[in-house]
Amino acid sequence: MRLLSARSRETFAQAASLLDSPAVPVSIPYEGTTLPGYIFAVDDSGVARPTVIYNNGYDSTLEEAYFAVGAAALSRGYNVLAFDGPGQGATLREQSLVFRPDWEKVISPVIDFALTRPEIDPEAIALFGYSLGGLLVVRAAAYEHRVAALILDDGLYDLYAAFTAASPSFFVRWVDQGRQGRVNWLTAVNARFDLGARWGLQNGRWAMGARTDADLFGKTKDYCLAGVAPRVTAPTLILDAEHDHFGKGQPQLVERALTQAPTTLVTLTAAEGAGEHCHMGALTRAHQVMFDWLDDVLAPASEPEV
């Protein structure tokens, strides 16, 4: 897997070098090591521009950033700074760094780095959270107030609830009661018949640094916005997918929890082709909503007098 991952990154780097706009690989200082990243810039002028910081999800890589939001951002005049955080992409595969719930400890060094770059406007930095990243960036923004806006694609309030949403009630009781043997037995049986569940648990054990499935379920309880969301003050766009099979109903929970932040909740529908998780199938529609909103949020409060 490490070899395939490395070749994937190498292939992307070769392609990125042929883009019309600059794609600059960067290394972001982080706790005695570095996080790999890219700056996708509108041009090579060095002019400070509004910038979207792309935050990966549960199984994303920084190279996905160009397709998930990068190309669209560039066309609308925004730079993008993308990175692999702990538990993600090359950081997981090459450095064995696993997810951590206190994500502000990840985002703050990324913003520190962003502020050293002349092409990034320090007053116009937006955090974009992709999938699980939609929870992580809210957690970070509760403690890191140098961001001008948040975009959640999609809103996620409680990872444990998302993990157990389709589970029978007795299984949830076993997890809550700490019956690890029973939990591990049932997940092993289920994994024999459900390929999606098997992948989700295997990836989770690896990326979260969990020893067993029961340990993984326990760790997911630390990824919740209860008690921290009210600290967020940045304007926040919360996207919701009509038929999201991972986090149905969670964007609404995020909106209610963000009591101190101006929020906009937008549900994208199956009729638009955007009703699935992260609006796969209609990214152009999602991008339209994101950047129309961001244009308004980052616009000057008033136009200068002529």
C-alpha atoms as a PDB file:
ATOM      1  CA  MET A   1       0.000   0.000   0.000  1.00  0.00           C
ATOM      2  CA  ARG A   2       2.853   2.403   0.764  1.00  0.00           C
ATOM      3  CA  LEU A   3       4.320   1.768  -2.693  1.00  0.00           C
ATOM      4  CA  LEU A   4       1.000   2.382  -4.442  1.00  0.00           C
ATOM      5  CA  SER A   5       0.436   5.526  -2.390  1.00  0.00           C
ATOM      6  CA  ALA A   6       3.875   6.854  -3.295  1.00  0.00           C
ATOM      7  CA  ARG A   7       3.316   6.192  -6.987  1.00  0.00           C
ATOM      8  CA  SER A   8      -0.062   7.913  -6.809  1.00  0.00           C
ATOM      9  CA  ARG A   9       1.553  11.000  -5.297  1.00  0.00           C
ATOM     10  CA  GLU A  10       4.338  10.934  -7.872  1.00  0.00           C
ATOM     11  CA  THR A  11       1.826  10.700 -10.706  1.00  0.00           C
ATOM     12  CA  PHE A  12      -0.145  13.634  -9.336  1.00  0.00           C
ATOM     13  CA  ALA A  13       3.028  15.711  -8.954  1.00  0.00           C
ATOM     14  CA  GLN A  14       3.944  15.055 -12.573  1.00  0.00           C
ATOM     15  CA  ALA A  15       0.487  16.123 -13.712  1.00  0.00           C
ATOM     16  CA  ALA A  16       0.390  19.147 -11.403  1.00  0.00           C
ATOM     17  CA  SER A  17       3.589  20.457 -12.973  1.00  0.00           C
ATOM     18  CA  LEU A  18       1.667  20.767 -16.245  1.00  0.00           C
ATOM     19  CA  LEU A  19      -1.204  22.833 -14.857  1.00  0.00           C
ATOM     20  CA  ASP A  20      -1.751  26.321 -16.233  1.00  0.00           C
ATOM     21  CA  SER A  21      -1.673  27.710 -12.682  1.00  0.00           C
ATOM     22  CA  PRO A  22       1.116  27.049 -10.146  1.00  0.00           C
ATOM     23  CA  ALA A  23       0.947  23.959  -7.924  1.00  0.00           C
ATOM     24  CA  VAL A  24       3.733  24.304  -5.370  1.00  0.00           C
ATOM     25  CA  PRO A  25       4.574  21.410  -3.018  1.00  0.00           C
ATOM     26  CA  VAL A  26       5.244  22.626   0.512  1.00  0.00           C
ATOM     27  CA  SER A  27       6.255  21.220   3.892  1.00  0.00           C
ATOM     28  CA  ILE A  28       4.373  22.602   6.891  1.00  0.00           C
ATOM     29  CA  PRO A  29       6.200  22.559  10.261  1.00  0.00           C
ATOM     30  CA  TYR A  30       4.293  20.452  12.798  1.00  0.00           C
ATOM     31  CA  GLU A  31       5.453  19.217  16.210  1.00  0.00           C
ATOM     32  CA  GLY A  32       9.034  18.379  15.311  1.00  0.00           C
ATOM     33  CA  THR A  33       8.193  17.086  11.848  1.00  0.00           C
ATOM     34  CA  THR A  34       6.348  18.384   8.787  1.00  0.00           C
ATOM     35  CA  LEU A  35       3.014  17.870   7.047  1.00  0.00           C
ATOM     36  CA  PRO A  36       3.049  17.546   3.252  1.00  0.00           C
ATOM     37  CA  GLY A  37       1.012  20.080   1.337  1.00  0.00           C
ATOM     38  CA  TYR A  38       0.362  21.960  -1.881  1.00  0.00           C
ATOM     39  CA  ILE A  39      -0.365  25.578  -2.643  1.00  0.00           C
ATOM     40  CA  PHE A  40      -2.550  25.900  -5.719  1.00  0.00           C
ATOM     41  CA  ALA A  41      -2.225  29.539  -6.742  1.00  0.00           C
ATOM     42  CA  VAL A  42      -4.289  31.577  -9.163  1.00  0.00           C
ATOM     43  CA  ASP A  43      -1.084  32.860 -10.775  1.00  0.00           C
ATOM     44  CA  ASP A  44       2.580  33.412 -10.026  1.00  0.00           C
ATOM     45  CA  SER A  45       2.278  37.153  -9.337  1.00  0.00           C
ATOM     46  CA  GLY A  46       2.665  36.770  -5.568  1.00  0.00           C
ATOM     47  CA  VAL A  47      -0.338  39.040  -5.038  1.00  0.00           C
ATOM     48  CA  ALA A  48      -2.107  38.271  -1.754  1.00  0.00           C
ATOM     49  CA  ARG A  49      -5.450  36.606  -2.459  1.00  0.00           C
ATOM     50  CA  PRO A  50      -8.226  35.040  -0.409  1.00  0.00           C
ATOM     51  CA  THR A  51      -7.288  31.432   0.268  1.00  0.00           C
ATOM     52  CA  VAL A  52      -9.125  28.236   1.083  1.00  0.00           C
ATOM     53  CA  ILE A  53      -7.366  25.792   3.405  1.00  0.00           C
ATOM     54  CA  TYR A  54      -8.476  22.302   2.410  1.00  0.00           C
ATOM     55  CA  ASN A  55      -8.879  19.840   5.297  1.00  0.00           C
ATOM     56  CA  ASN A  56      -9.133  16.160   4.416  1.00  0.00           C
ATOM     57  CA  GLY A  57     -11.646  13.647   5.711  1.00  0.00           C
ATOM     58  CA  TYR A  58     -11.649  10.091   7.041  1.00  0.00           C
ATOM     59  CA  ASP A  59      -9.823   8.558   4.083  1.00  0.00           C
ATOM     60  CA  SER A  60      -8.841  11.504   1.872  1.00  0.00           C
ATOM     61  CA  THR A  61      -5.481  12.616   0.530  1.00  0.00           C
ATOM     62  CA  LEU A  62      -4.215  16.112  -0.163  1.00  0.00           C
ATOM     63  CA  GLU A  63      -4.040  15.323  -3.896  1.00  0.00           C
ATOM     64  CA  GLU A  64      -7.844  15.044  -3.875  1.00  0.00           C
ATOM     65  CA  ALA A  65      -7.988  18.720  -2.970  1.00  0.00           C
ATOM     66  CA  TYR A  66      -7.515  19.823  -6.565  1.00  0.00           C
ATOM     67  CA  PHE A  67     -10.600  17.924  -7.672  1.00  0.00           C
ATOM     68  CA  ALA A  68     -12.713  18.402  -4.549  1.00  0.00           C
ATOM     69  CA  VAL A  69     -12.341  22.179  -4.446  1.00  0.00           C
ATOM     70  CA  GLY A  70      -9.049  23.354  -5.953  1.00  0.00           C
ATOM     71  CA  ALA A  71      -9.928  23.757  -9.628  1.00  0.00           C
ATOM     72  CA  ALA A  72     -13.207  25.465  -8.764  1.00  0.00           C
ATOM     73  CA  ALA A  73     -11.506  27.796  -6.293  1.00  0.00           C
ATOM     74  CA  LEU A  74      -8.879  28.869  -8.807  1.00  0.00           C
ATOM     75  CA  SER A  75     -11.545  29.683 -11.374  1.00  0.00           C
ATOM     76  CA  ARG A  76     -13.208  31.971  -8.816  1.00  0.00           C
ATOM     77  CA  GLY A  77      -9.995  33.778  -7.850  1.00  0.00           C
ATOM     78  CA  TYR A  78      -9.126  31.865  -4.659  1.00  0.00           C
ATOM     79  CA  ASN A  79      -5.842  30.172  -3.824  1.00  0.00           C
ATOM     80  CA  VAL A  80      -5.928  26.792  -2.073  1.00  0.00           C
ATOM     81  CA  LEU A  81      -3.572  25.454   0.601  1.00  0.00           C
ATOM     82  CA  ALA A  82      -4.055  21.700   0.978  1.00  0.00           C
ATOM     83  CA  PHE A  83      -2.341  19.391   3.439  1.00  0.00           C
ATOM     84  CA  ASP A  84      -2.357  15.871   4.849  1.00  0.00           C
ATOM     85  CA  GLY A  85      -2.978  15.975   8.585  1.00  0.00           C
ATOM     86  CA  PRO A  86      -2.422  13.167  11.092  1.00  0.00           C
ATOM     87  CA  GLY A  87      -4.382  10.074  10.072  1.00  0.00           C
ATOM     88  CA  GLN A  88      -4.516  11.143   6.434  1.00  0.00           C
ATOM     89  CA  GLY A  89      -2.690  10.464   3.175  1.00  0.00           C
ATOM     90  CA  ALA A  90       1.086  10.461   3.224  1.00  0.00           C
ATOM     91  CA  THR A  91       1.227  11.592   6.854  1.00  0.00           C
ATOM     92  CA  LEU A  92      -0.391   8.321   7.916  1.00  0.00           C
ATOM     93  CA  ARG A  93       1.412   6.116   5.411  1.00  0.00           C
ATOM     94  CA  GLU A  94       4.911   7.568   5.649  1.00  0.00           C
ATOM     95  CA  GLN A  95       5.026   8.959   9.204  1.00  0.00           C
ATOM     96  CA  SER A  96       2.484   6.735  11.014  1.00  0.00           C
ATOM     97  CA  LEU A  97       0.798   9.794  12.532  1.00  0.00           C
ATOM     98  CA  VAL A  98      -2.789   8.990  13.486  1.00  0.00           C
ATOM     99  CA  PHE A  99      -5.878  11.167  13.947  1.00  0.00           C
ATOM    100  CA  ARG A 100      -6.219  13.316  17.045  1.00  0.00           C
ATOM    101  CA  PRO A 101      -9.427  14.947  18.336  1.00  0.00           C
ATOM    102  CA  ASP A 102      -7.786  18.252  19.382  1.00  0.00           C
ATOM    103  CA  TRP A 103      -7.552  19.337  15.753  1.00  0.00           C
ATOM    104  CA  GLU A 104      -6.742  22.935  16.634  1.00  0.00           C
ATOM    105  CA  LYS A 105      -3.239  21.614  17.326  1.00  0.00           C
ATOM    106  CA  VAL A 106      -3.094  20.728  13.619  1.00  0.00           C
ATOM    107  CA  ILE A 107      -4.806  23.745  12.093  1.00  0.00           C
ATOM    108  CA  SER A 108      -2.881  26.379  14.069  1.00  0.00           C
ATOM    109  CA  PRO A 109       0.517  25.314  12.609  1.00  0.00           C
ATOM    110  CA  VAL A 110      -1.066  25.238   9.142  1.00  0.00           C
ATOM    111  CA  ILE A 111      -2.292  28.818   9.595  1.00  0.00           C
ATOM    112  CA  ASP A 112       1.078  29.832  11.027  1.00  0.00           C
ATOM    113  CA  PHE A 113       2.611  28.559   7.801  1.00  0.00           C
ATOM    114  CA  ALA A 114      -0.052  30.220   5.629  1.00  0.00           C
ATOM    115  CA  LEU A 115       0.755  33.571   7.180  1.00  0.00           C
ATOM    116  CA  THR A 116       4.360  33.298   5.975  1.00  0.00           C
ATOM    117  CA  ARG A 117       3.235  33.129   2.349  1.00  0.00           C
ATOM    118  CA  PRO A 118       2.924  36.425   0.426  1.00  0.00           C
ATOM    119  CA  GLU A 119       0.250  35.032  -1.897  1.00  0.00           C
ATOM    120  CA  ILE A 120      -2.134  34.372   1.011  1.00  0.00           C
ATOM    121  CA  ASP A 121      -4.252  37.233   2.320  1.00  0.00           C
ATOM    122  CA  PRO A 122      -4.124  36.891   6.135  1.00  0.00           C
ATOM    123  CA  GLU A 123      -7.531  38.575   6.482  1.00  0.00           C
ATOM    124  CA  ALA A 124      -9.279  36.235   4.037  1.00  0.00           C
ATOM    125  CA  ILE A 125      -8.547  32.636   5.043  1.00  0.00           C
ATOM    126  CA  ALA A 126     -11.392  30.128   4.859  1.00  0.00           C
ATOM    127  CA  LEU A 127     -11.279  26.582   6.238  1.00  0.00           C
ATOM    128  CA  PHE A 128     -12.889  23.942   4.040  1.00  0.00           C
ATOM    129  CA  GLY A 129     -13.733  20.667   5.806  1.00  0.00           C
ATOM    130  CA  TYR A 130     -14.288  17.663   3.546  1.00  0.00           C
ATOM    131  CA  SER A 131     -16.396  14.805   4.991  1.00  0.00           C
ATOM    132  CA  LEU A 132     -14.933  14.136   8.489  1.00  0.00           C
ATOM    133  CA  GLY A 133     -13.050  17.366   7.924  1.00  0.00           C
ATOM    134  CA  GLY A 134     -16.401  19.098   8.385  1.00  0.00           C
ATOM    135  CA  LEU A 135     -16.200  18.184  12.068  1.00  0.00           C
ATOM    136  CA  LEU A 136     -12.472  18.711  12.435  1.00  0.00           C
ATOM    137  CA  VAL A 137     -12.436  22.301  11.174  1.00  0.00           C
ATOM    138  CA  VAL A 138     -15.264  23.302  13.521  1.00  0.00           C
ATOM    139  CA  ARG A 139     -13.336  21.835  16.437  1.00  0.00           C
ATOM    140  CA  ALA A 140     -10.250  23.759  15.287  1.00  0.00           C
ATOM    141  CA  ALA A 141     -12.136  27.032  14.811  1.00  0.00           C
ATOM    142  CA  ALA A 142     -13.418  26.824  18.381  1.00  0.00           C
ATOM    143  CA  TYR A 143      -9.865  27.626  19.512  1.00  0.00           C
ATOM    144  CA  GLU A 144      -8.231  29.123  16.410  1.00  0.00           C
ATOM    145  CA  HIS A 145      -9.775  32.493  15.522  1.00  0.00           C
ATOM    146  CA  ARG A 146      -7.600  33.596  12.610  1.00  0.00           C
ATOM    147  CA  VAL A 147     -10.039  32.246  10.032  1.00  0.00           C
ATOM    148  CA  ALA A 148     -12.597  34.425   8.279  1.00  0.00           C
ATOM    149  CA  ALA A 149     -15.038  31.660   7.285  1.00  0.00           C
ATOM    150  CA  LEU A 150     -15.788  27.925   7.486  1.00  0.00           C
ATOM    151  CA  ILE A 151     -17.221  25.682   4.776  1.00  0.00           C
ATOM    152  CA  LEU A 152     -18.449  22.270   5.940  1.00  0.00           C
ATOM    153  CA  ASP A 153     -18.865  19.690   3.187  1.00  0.00           C
ATOM    154  CA  ASP A 154     -20.833  18.279   4.909  1.00  0.00           C
ATOM    155  CA  GLY A 155     -21.742  19.189   8.473  1.00  0.00           C
ATOM    156  CA  LEU A 156     -20.842  16.472  10.996  1.00  0.00           C
ATOM    157  CA  TYR A 157     -21.562  16.826  14.712  1.00  0.00           C
ATOM    158  CA  ASP A 158     -20.763  13.439  16.282  1.00  0.00           C
ATOM    159  CA  LEU A 159     -18.557  10.776  14.698  1.00  0.00           C
ATOM    160  CA  TYR A 160     -19.645   8.082  17.165  1.00  0.00           C
ATOM    161  CA  ALA A 161     -23.299   8.696  16.275  1.00  0.00           C
ATOM    162  CA  ALA A 162     -22.424   8.431  12.593  1.00  0.00           C
ATOM    163  CA  PHE A 163     -20.590   5.151  13.228  1.00  0.00           C
ATOM    164  CA  THR A 164     -23.498   3.619  15.138  1.00  0.00           C
ATOM    165  CA  ALA A 165     -26.435   5.138  13.206  1.00  0.00           C
ATOM    166  CA  ALA A 166     -27.255   1.891  11.427  1.00  0.00           C
ATOM    167  CA  SER A 167     -26.326  -0.407  14.325  1.00  0.00           C
ATOM    168  CA  PRO A 168     -28.880  -2.344  16.354  1.00  0.00           C
ATOM    169  CA  SER A 169     -29.600  -0.937  19.801  1.00  0.00           C
ATOM    170  CA  PHE A 170     -28.080  -3.919  21.610  1.00  0.00           C
ATOM    171  CA  PHE A 171     -24.772  -3.333  19.814  1.00  0.00           C
ATOM    172  CA  VAL A 172     -24.710   0.308  20.911  1.00  0.00           C
ATOM    173  CA  ARG A 173     -25.385  -0.838  24.484  1.00  0.00           C
ATOM    174  CA  TRP A 174     -22.448  -3.264  24.279  1.00  0.00           C
ATOM    175  CA  VAL A 175     -20.157  -0.438  23.164  1.00  0.00           C
ATOM    176  CA  ASP A 176     -21.425   1.892  25.874  1.00  0.00           C
ATOM    177  CA  GLN A 177     -21.084  -0.833  28.503  1.00  0.00           C
ATOM    178  CA  GLY A 178     -17.513  -1.611  27.444  1.00  0.00           C
ATOM    179  CA  ARG A 179     -18.280  -5.214  26.384  1.00  0.00           C
ATOM    180  CA  GLN A 180     -15.328  -5.334  24.040  1.00  0.00           C
ATOM    181  CA  GLY A 181     -15.380  -9.056  23.412  1.00  0.00           C
ATOM    182  CA  ARG A 182     -18.969  -8.986  22.195  1.00  0.00           C
ATOM    183  CA  VAL A 183     -18.360  -5.877  20.093  1.00  0.00           C
ATOM    184  CA  ASN A 184     -15.322  -7.401  18.389  1.00  0.00           C
ATOM    185  CA  TRP A 185     -17.138 -10.684  17.785  1.00  0.00           C
ATOM    186  CA  LEU A 186     -20.118  -9.022  16.118  1.00  0.00           C
ATOM    187  CA  THR A 187     -18.058  -6.661  13.958  1.00  0.00           C
ATOM    188  CA  ALA A 188     -15.924  -9.594  12.786  1.00  0.00           C
ATOM    189  CA  VAL A 189     -19.034 -11.562  11.794  1.00  0.00           C
ATOM    190  CA  ASN A 190     -20.542  -8.555  10.022  1.00  0.00           C
ATOM    191  CA  ALA A 191     -17.308  -7.825   8.168  1.00  0.00           C
ATOM    192  CA  ARG A 192     -17.506 -11.253   6.536  1.00  0.00           C
ATOM    193  CA  PHE A 193     -20.682 -10.224   4.719  1.00  0.00           C
ATOM    194  CA  ASP A 194     -20.451  -6.424   4.457  1.00  0.00           C
ATOM    195  CA  LEU A 195     -17.450  -5.231   2.464  1.00  0.00           C
ATOM    196  CA  GLY A 196     -18.161  -1.560   3.178  1.00  0.00           C
ATOM    197  CA  ALA A 197     -18.267  -2.133   6.921  1.00  0.00           C
ATOM    198  CA  ARG A 198     -15.074  -4.185   6.775  1.00  0.00           C
ATOM    199  CA  TRP A 199     -13.228  -1.417   4.944  1.00  0.00           C
ATOM    200  CA  GLY A 200     -14.581   1.283   7.271  1.00  0.00           C
ATOM    201  CA  LEU A 201     -13.416  -0.541  10.376  1.00  0.00           C
ATOM    202  CA  GLN A 202     -10.038  -1.534   8.969  1.00  0.00           C
ATOM    203  CA  ASN A 203      -9.335   2.012   7.842  1.00  0.00           C
ATOM    204  CA  GLY A 204     -10.529   3.355  11.174  1.00  0.00           C
ATOM    205  CA  ARG A 205      -8.305   1.068  13.258  1.00  0.00           C
ATOM    206  CA  TRP A 206      -5.322   2.103  11.163  1.00  0.00           C
ATOM    207  CA  ALA A 207      -6.023   5.848  10.920  1.00  0.00           C
ATOM    208  CA  MET A 208      -7.184   6.248  14.537  1.00  0.00           C
ATOM    209  CA  GLY A 209      -4.475   4.066  16.035  1.00  0.00           C
ATOM    210  CA  ALA A 210      -7.019   1.640  17.508  1.00  0.00           C
ATOM    211  CA  ARG A 211      -6.106  -1.884  18.554  1.00  0.00           C
ATOM    212  CA  THR A 212      -9.537  -3.436  17.991  1.00  0.00           C
ATOM    213  CA  ASP A 213     -12.955  -2.503  16.621  1.00  0.00           C
ATOM    214  CA  ALA A 214     -14.200  -1.919  20.156  1.00  0.00           C
ATOM    215  CA  ASP A 215     -11.258   0.402  20.765  1.00  0.00           C
ATOM    216  CA  LEU A 216     -12.096   2.241  17.537  1.00  0.00           C
ATOM    217  CA  PHE A 217     -15.702   2.835  18.593  1.00  0.00           C
ATOM    218  CA  GLY A 218     -14.441   4.161  21.891  1.00  0.00           C
ATOM    219  CA  LYS A 219     -12.045   6.574  20.185  1.00  0.00           C
ATOM    220  CA  THR A 220     -14.761   7.975  17.920  1.00  0.00           C
ATOM    221  CA  LYS A 221     -16.561   9.318  21.008  1.00  0.00           C
ATOM    222  CA  ASP A 222     -13.830  11.952  21.314  1.00  0.00           C
ATOM    223  CA  TYR A 223     -14.850  13.422  17.951  1.00  0.00           C
ATOM    224  CA  CYS A 224     -17.913  15.429  18.918  1.00  0.00           C
ATOM    225  CA  LEU A 225     -18.722  19.147  18.858  1.00  0.00           C
ATOM    226  CA  ALA A 226     -20.668  19.167  22.134  1.00  0.00           C
ATOM    227  CA  GLY A 227     -19.338  21.907  24.369  1.00  0.00           C
ATOM    228  CA  VAL A 228     -16.938  23.355  21.791  1.00  0.00           C
ATOM    229  CA  ALA A 229     -19.172  24.493  18.914  1.00  0.00           C
ATOM    230  CA  PRO A 230     -20.489  27.536  20.846  1.00  0.00           C
ATOM    231  CA  ARG A 231     -16.934  28.926  20.897  1.00  0.00           C
ATOM    232  CA  VAL A 232     -16.913  29.310  17.093  1.00  0.00           C
ATOM    233  CA  THR A 233     -17.573  32.837  15.833  1.00  0.00           C
ATOM    234  CA  ALA A 234     -16.596  32.655  12.155  1.00  0.00           C
ATOM    235  CA  PRO A 235     -19.403  32.697   9.552  1.00  0.00           C
ATOM    236  CA  THR A 236     -20.105  29.092   8.616  1.00  0.00           C
ATOM    237  CA  LEU A 237     -21.643  27.469   5.540  1.00  0.00           C
ATOM    238  CA  ILE A 238     -23.060  24.057   6.440  1.00  0.00           C
ATOM    239  CA  LEU A 239     -23.796  21.823   3.473  1.00  0.00           C
ATOM    240  CA  ASP A 240     -26.261  18.964   3.768  1.00  0.00           C
ATOM    241  CA  ALA A 241     -26.837  16.124   1.311  1.00  0.00           C
ATOM    242  CA  GLU A 242     -30.438  14.992   0.987  1.00  0.00           C
ATOM    243  CA  HIS A 243     -29.548  11.299   0.991  1.00  0.00           C
ATOM    244  CA  ASP A 244     -26.258  11.303   2.909  1.00  0.00           C
ATOM    245  CA  HIS A 245     -25.712   7.709   4.052  1.00  0.00           C
ATOM    246  CA  PHE A 246     -23.038   8.694   6.609  1.00  0.00           C
ATOM    247  CA  GLY A 247     -24.376  11.677   8.497  1.00  0.00           C
ATOM    248  CA  LYS A 248     -28.086  12.077   7.895  1.00  0.00           C
ATOM    249  CA  GLY A 249     -29.447  14.811  10.183  1.00  0.00           C
ATOM    250  CA  GLN A 250     -26.033  15.845  11.476  1.00  0.00           C
ATOM    251  CA  PRO A 251     -25.749  19.149   9.562  1.00  0.00           C
ATOM    252  CA  GLN A 252     -28.849  20.335  11.408  1.00  0.00           C
ATOM    253  CA  LEU A 253     -27.213  19.438  14.730  1.00  0.00           C
ATOM    254  CA  VAL A 254     -24.151  21.460  13.758  1.00  0.00           C
ATOM    255  CA  GLU A 255     -26.289  24.470  12.877  1.00  0.00           C
ATOM    256  CA  ARG A 256     -28.055  24.373  16.241  1.00  0.00           C
ATOM    257  CA  ALA A 257     -24.755  23.994  18.102  1.00  0.00           C
ATOM    258  CA  LEU A 258     -23.080  27.006  16.459  1.00  0.00           C
ATOM    259  CA  THR A 259     -24.859  29.501  18.673  1.00  0.00           C
ATOM    260  CA  GLN A 260     -22.272  32.308  18.335  1.00  0.00           C
ATOM    261  CA  ALA A 261     -21.510  31.988  14.620  1.00  0.00           C
ATOM    262  CA  PRO A 262     -23.562  33.290  11.700  1.00  0.00           C
ATOM    263  CA  THR A 263     -24.650  30.106   9.909  1.00  0.00           C
ATOM    264  CA  THR A 264     -26.093  29.216   6.526  1.00  0.00           C
ATOM    265  CA  LEU A 265     -27.475  25.704   6.053  1.00  0.00           C
ATOM    266  CA  VAL A 266     -27.999  24.538   2.473  1.00  0.00           C
ATOM    267  CA  THR A 267     -29.469  21.155   1.586  1.00  0.00           C
ATOM    268  CA  LEU A 268     -28.484  19.972  -1.884  1.00  0.00           C
ATOM    269  CA  THR A 269     -30.884  17.478  -3.378  1.00  0.00           C
ATOM    270  CA  ALA A 270     -31.016  14.358  -5.476  1.00  0.00           C
ATOM    271  CA  ALA A 271     -32.963  16.313  -8.090  1.00  0.00           C
ATOM    272  CA  GLU A 272     -29.844  18.454  -8.525  1.00  0.00           C
ATOM    273  CA  GLY A 273     -27.659  15.344  -8.649  1.00  0.00           C
ATOM    274  CA  ALA A 274     -26.106  16.496  -5.372  1.00  0.00           C
ATOM    275  CA  GLY A 275     -27.967  14.390  -2.826  1.00  0.00           C
ATOM    276  CA  GLU A 276     -25.143  12.016  -1.898  1.00  0.00           C
ATOM    277  CA  HIS A 277     -22.307  12.367   0.617  1.00  0.00           C
ATOM    278  CA  CYS A 278     -20.151  15.405  -0.238  1.00  0.00           C
ATOM    279  CA  HIS A 279     -22.420  15.914  -3.273  1.00  0.00           C
ATOM    280  CA  MET A 280     -20.642  13.419  -5.460  1.00  0.00           C
ATOM    281  CA  GLY A 281     -22.165  13.557  -8.906  1.00  0.00           C
ATOM    282  CA  ALA A 282     -22.812  17.301  -8.837  1.00  0.00           C
ATOM    283  CA  LEU A 283     -19.687  18.990  -7.517  1.00  0.00           C
ATOM    284  CA  THR A 284     -20.194  21.955  -9.821  1.00  0.00           C
ATOM    285  CA  ARG A 285     -23.504  22.676  -8.077  1.00  0.00           C
ATOM    286  CA  ALA A 286     -21.850  22.415  -4.657  1.00  0.00           C
ATOM    287  CA  HIS A 287     -19.030  24.690  -5.801  1.00  0.00           C
ATOM    288  CA  GLN A 288     -21.534  27.250  -7.027  1.00  0.00           C
ATOM    289  CA  VAL A 289     -23.119  27.390  -3.579  1.00  0.00           C
ATOM    290  CA  MET A 290     -19.780  27.460  -1.748  1.00  0.00           C
ATOM    291  CA  PHE A 291     -18.140  30.238  -3.699  1.00  0.00           C
ATOM    292  CA  ASP A 292     -21.220  32.412  -4.107  1.00  0.00           C
ATOM    293  CA  TRP A 293     -21.500  32.307  -0.308  1.00  0.00           C
ATOM    294  CA  LEU A 294     -17.789  32.879   0.226  1.00  0.00           C
ATOM    295  CA  ASP A 295     -17.763  35.838  -2.171  1.00  0.00           C
ATOM    296  CA  ASP A 296     -20.442  37.475  -0.032  1.00  0.00           C
ATOM    297  CA  VAL A 297     -18.782  36.674   3.310  1.00  0.00           C
ATOM    298  CA  LEU A 298     -15.327  37.909   2.297  1.00  0.00           C
ATOM    299  CA  ALA A 299     -16.550  40.949   0.361  1.00  0.00           C
ATOM    300  CA  PRO A 300     -15.580  44.342   1.837  1.00  0.00           C
ATOM    301  CA  ALA A 301     -18.148  45.645   4.291  1.00  0.00           C
ATOM    302  CA  SER A 302     -18.622  48.685   2.052  1.00  0.00           C
ATOM    303  CA  GLU A 303     -17.307  49.831  -1.273  1.00  0.00           C
ATOM    304  CA  PRO A 304     -14.939  52.817  -1.210  1.00  0.00           C
ATOM    305  CA  GLU A 305     -16.493  56.134  -2.079  1.00  0.00           C
ATOM    306  CA  VAL A 306     -15.803  57.372  -5.589  1.00  0.00           C
END
